Protein backbone atom coordinates (compact mmCIF):
# COMPACT_ATOMS: atom_id res chain seq x y z
CA MET A 1 -0.06 0.15 -0.29
CA TYR A 2 1.56 3.71 -1.04
CA ALA A 3 0.29 6.87 -1.29
CA ILE A 4 0.93 10.22 -3.06
CA VAL A 5 0.86 12.68 -0.58
CA GLU A 6 1.49 16.11 -0.35
CA ILE A 7 4.50 17.28 3.03
CA ALA A 8 5.06 20.85 3.40
CA GLY A 9 4.54 22.42 -0.38
CA GLN A 10 6.36 18.76 -1.83
CA GLN A 11 4.47 15.94 -3.34
CA PHE A 12 5.99 12.63 -2.32
CA LYS A 13 4.73 8.89 -2.96
CA VAL A 14 5.55 6.76 0.65
CA SER A 15 4.63 3.69 2.32
CA LYS A 16 4.71 2.14 5.60
CA ASP A 17 8.36 2.62 7.34
CA LEU A 18 9.69 4.70 4.73
CA LYS A 19 12.07 7.38 6.24
CA VAL A 20 11.55 10.82 3.69
CA TYR A 21 13.78 13.95 3.88
CA VAL A 22 11.14 17.23 3.88
CA HIS A 23 10.86 20.61 4.36
CA ARG A 24 11.26 22.24 7.88
CA LEU A 25 8.60 21.61 9.94
CA THR A 26 7.22 23.26 13.19
CA ASN A 27 6.72 19.83 14.82
CA GLU A 28 9.27 18.83 18.00
CA GLU A 29 11.45 15.99 17.28
CA GLY A 30 9.34 12.64 18.51
CA SER A 31 5.96 14.04 18.04
CA SER A 32 3.73 12.81 15.67
CA VAL A 33 2.03 14.32 12.98
CA SER A 34 -0.87 13.68 9.98
CA PHE A 35 -0.95 14.79 6.49
CA ASP A 36 -4.23 15.04 5.37
CA LYS A 37 -3.82 16.07 1.52
CA VAL A 38 -3.62 12.30 -0.02
CA LEU A 39 -3.81 12.79 -3.63
CA LEU A 40 -3.74 9.23 -4.68
CA LEU A 41 -3.84 6.22 -2.70
CA ASP A 42 -3.27 2.32 -4.14
CA ASP A 43 -4.60 -0.46 -1.67
CA ASN A 44 -3.58 -3.64 -2.93
CA GLY A 45 -3.93 -3.00 -7.21
CA THR A 46 -7.18 -0.55 -6.16
CA ILE A 47 -6.47 3.16 -6.91
CA THR A 48 -8.11 5.87 -5.70
CA LEU A 49 -7.64 9.27 -6.76
CA GLY A 50 -8.27 12.64 -4.98
CA ALA A 51 -9.95 15.76 -6.54
CA PRO A 52 -7.77 17.19 -5.71
CA ALA A 53 -7.37 15.42 -2.21
CA ILE A 54 -8.89 12.20 -0.98
CA GLU A 55 -11.61 12.58 1.97
CA GLY A 56 -10.94 11.02 4.81
CA ALA A 57 -7.77 9.88 3.90
CA SER A 58 -4.22 10.44 5.77
CA VAL A 59 -0.43 9.59 6.41
CA GLU A 60 0.73 9.31 10.21
CA ALA A 61 4.29 10.07 10.51
CA LYS A 62 6.55 10.50 13.34
CA VAL A 63 9.43 13.33 13.41
CA LEU A 64 12.86 12.03 14.15
CA GLN A 65 14.72 14.88 13.86
CA HIS A 66 15.46 18.72 12.42
CA LEU A 67 18.64 19.11 10.39
CA LYS A 68 20.16 21.43 7.87
CA GLY A 69 20.84 19.49 4.43
CA ASP A 70 24.16 20.02 2.07
CA LYS A 71 25.79 23.06 1.50
CA VAL A 72 24.71 24.55 -2.04
CA ILE A 73 27.11 27.15 -3.51
CA VAL A 74 25.62 29.76 -5.68
CA PHE A 75 28.30 31.46 -7.78
CA LYS A 76 27.45 34.76 -9.98
CA LYS A 77 29.32 36.39 -12.43
CA LYS A 78 28.93 38.84 -15.07
CA ARG A 79 31.33 39.25 -18.12
CA ARG A 80 33.38 42.11 -18.92
CA LYS A 81 31.97 43.67 -15.62
CA GLY A 82 34.28 42.90 -13.15
CA TYR A 83 31.10 41.02 -11.11
CA LYS A 84 31.28 38.00 -8.92
CA LYS A 85 29.47 36.82 -6.38
CA ARG A 86 29.66 33.79 -3.83
CA ASN A 87 27.02 32.66 -1.20
CA GLY A 88 26.83 28.63 0.21
CA HIS A 89 23.22 27.60 0.99
CA ARG A 90 22.12 24.57 3.50
CA GLN A 91 18.03 23.75 3.19
CA TYR A 92 16.46 23.50 6.70
CA LEU A 93 14.65 20.03 6.84
CA THR A 94 13.08 17.41 9.42
CA GLN A 95 13.19 13.95 8.86
CA ILE A 96 9.98 11.91 8.92
CA VAL A 97 8.96 8.05 8.89
CA ILE A 98 6.04 6.76 7.76
CA GLU A 99 4.12 4.95 10.73
CA GLY A 100 0.46 4.32 9.01
CA ILE A 101 -1.52 5.14 5.85
CA THR A 102 -5.26 5.69 6.73
CA GLY A 103 -7.92 5.47 3.89
CA VAL A 104 -11.07 5.30 5.83
CA GLY A 105 -13.90 7.36 4.66
CA ALA A 106 -12.10 7.61 0.54
CA LYS A 107 -14.41 7.23 -1.46
CA LYS A 108 -13.35 5.13 -4.72
CA ALA A 109 -12.99 6.73 -7.88
CA ALA A 110 -15.69 4.93 -10.04
CA PRO A 111 -13.36 3.46 -13.35
CA LYS A 112 -13.96 5.72 -16.43
CA THR A 113 -15.94 4.13 -19.17
CA GLU A 114 -15.67 5.15 -22.53
CA LYS A 115 -18.63 7.09 -24.26
CA VAL A 116 -19.29 5.54 -27.26
CA THR A 117 -20.77 8.29 -29.65
CA GLU A 118 -21.59 8.01 -33.45
CA ALA A 119 -18.82 9.29 -35.11
CA LYS A 120 -19.43 11.85 -37.46
CA ALA A 121 -18.45 12.35 -41.04
CA PRO A 122 -15.93 15.52 -41.25
CA LYS A 123 -17.61 18.15 -43.43
CA ALA A 124 -16.20 17.80 -46.96
CA SER A 125 -14.88 21.75 -47.78
CA LYS A 126 -13.80 22.62 -50.95
CA LYS A 127 -10.65 24.02 -51.31
CA ALA A 128 -9.59 27.31 -52.75
CA ASP A 129 -7.60 27.63 -56.22
CA ASP A 130 -4.54 29.47 -56.59
CA LEU A 131 -6.28 32.10 -58.85
CA LYS A 132 -2.36 33.00 -59.61
CA LEU A 133 -1.73 30.52 -62.26
CA ILE A 134 -3.88 32.93 -63.98
CA GLU A 135 -1.39 35.15 -65.91
CA GLY A 136 -2.67 38.82 -65.29
CA ILE A 137 -3.70 37.80 -61.65
CA GLY A 138 -1.41 38.55 -59.14
CA PRO A 139 -1.56 38.36 -54.95
CA LYS A 140 -3.96 41.67 -54.81
CA ALA A 141 -6.04 40.67 -57.86
CA ALA A 142 -6.38 37.24 -56.34
CA GLU A 143 -7.47 38.51 -52.28
CA ALA A 144 -10.03 40.73 -53.92
CA LEU A 145 -11.78 37.63 -56.63
CA VAL A 146 -12.00 35.32 -53.32
CA ALA A 147 -13.35 38.07 -51.39
CA ALA A 148 -16.27 38.51 -53.53
CA GLY A 149 -16.50 35.15 -53.84
CA VAL A 150 -15.06 33.55 -57.04
CA ASP A 151 -12.53 31.51 -55.27
CA THR A 152 -11.92 28.66 -57.98
CA PHE A 153 -11.12 27.80 -61.68
CA ALA A 154 -14.88 27.09 -62.44
CA LYS A 155 -16.09 30.53 -60.75
CA LEU A 156 -13.86 32.01 -62.36
CA ALA A 157 -14.47 30.95 -65.91
CA LYS A 158 -18.00 31.68 -65.53
CA ALA A 159 -17.37 34.99 -64.58
CA SER A 160 -18.02 37.82 -67.46
CA ALA A 161 -14.72 39.47 -67.87
CA ASP A 162 -17.12 42.72 -66.76
CA SER A 163 -18.50 41.62 -63.73
CA VAL A 164 -14.09 40.90 -62.39
CA LYS A 165 -13.82 43.97 -63.96
CA GLU A 166 -16.48 45.63 -61.30
CA ILE A 167 -14.85 43.56 -58.33
CA LEU A 168 -11.28 44.76 -59.25
CA THR A 169 -12.23 48.42 -59.76
CA THR A 170 -14.65 48.20 -56.82
CA ALA A 171 -11.56 46.70 -54.37
CA SER A 172 -9.09 48.97 -55.41
CA SER A 173 -8.13 51.71 -57.78
CA THR A 174 -4.99 50.18 -58.03
CA LEU A 175 -6.67 46.95 -59.80
CA SER A 176 -8.68 48.93 -62.47
CA HIS A 177 -6.04 48.74 -64.96
CA LEU A 178 -5.97 45.25 -65.16
CA ASP A 179 -7.63 43.52 -68.55
CA PRO A 180 -9.42 40.10 -67.27
CA THR A 181 -10.33 39.48 -70.72
CA THR A 182 -8.75 35.85 -71.19
CA TRP A 183 -8.93 35.06 -67.82
CA ALA A 184 -11.85 33.13 -67.92
CA GLN A 185 -10.24 31.22 -70.76
CA GLN A 186 -7.51 30.44 -68.59
CA ALA A 187 -9.37 29.53 -65.92
CA GLN A 188 -11.57 27.14 -68.11
CA LEU A 189 -8.31 25.06 -68.96
CA ALA A 190 -7.04 24.97 -65.58
CA ALA A 191 -10.35 23.74 -64.47
CA ASP A 192 -10.29 20.82 -67.32
CA GLY A 193 -6.49 20.05 -65.83
CA LYS A 194 -4.99 21.25 -69.54
CA MET A 195 -2.11 23.20 -68.03
CA ASP A 196 0.15 22.01 -71.26
CA GLU A 197 -2.82 23.81 -72.87
CA LEU A 198 -2.88 26.60 -70.24
CA LYS A 199 0.78 27.00 -70.43
CA LYS A 200 0.80 27.31 -74.59
CA LEU A 201 -2.08 30.23 -74.34
CA GLN A 202 0.02 31.72 -71.68
CA ASP A 203 3.26 31.84 -73.68
CA GLU A 204 1.23 33.64 -76.50
CA LEU A 205 -0.03 36.47 -73.90
CA ASN A 206 1.92 39.73 -72.52
CA GLY A 207 0.45 39.69 -69.06
CA GLY A 208 -2.39 38.13 -69.33
CA LYS A 209 -3.76 40.14 -72.95
CA ALA A 210 -3.39 38.73 -75.70
CA VAL A 211 -1.20 40.25 -78.23
């Protein structure tokens, strides 16, 4: 039988007759002390968890002695500043021995059962096309078209040059100079997956305009 218990701000795994060094306690040497912040209790394989502590559970111990821990050297130095500082520290400790673990009144945690729910099929989301593959469409123009709902090659292929021009002009005056005359033709080839034909057509264009 063992328990996870909080003692003086630290957590320990303890069992009967185990000797433990903890932060200095105020209890006198030879006195008995009880710790009720038991976080976990294992009683021959039966695990009880606290939330955060187990109600009614406690760990009984006896104070053996008060002492100081080993000296720790703390050295500080700042480069090129001529600053050096050396300090020593010895932690005040208390040695205790565990005399018993009490779980009377502890409520056993109910075993967790996995809730079986019907798996929902993920919603299919249509990914937007990269409109910048169309010659003449830059990042700003693509952003304006997507904001207007024209986010795929198929939609761009169905849009008239005048409607695309209106979208660009409304989005920004800096896009009003663009000529979308060939964008629908290019978009249709891209939508059909005819990338070789699209490249051949683009070789004949100049900035998206027919030469």
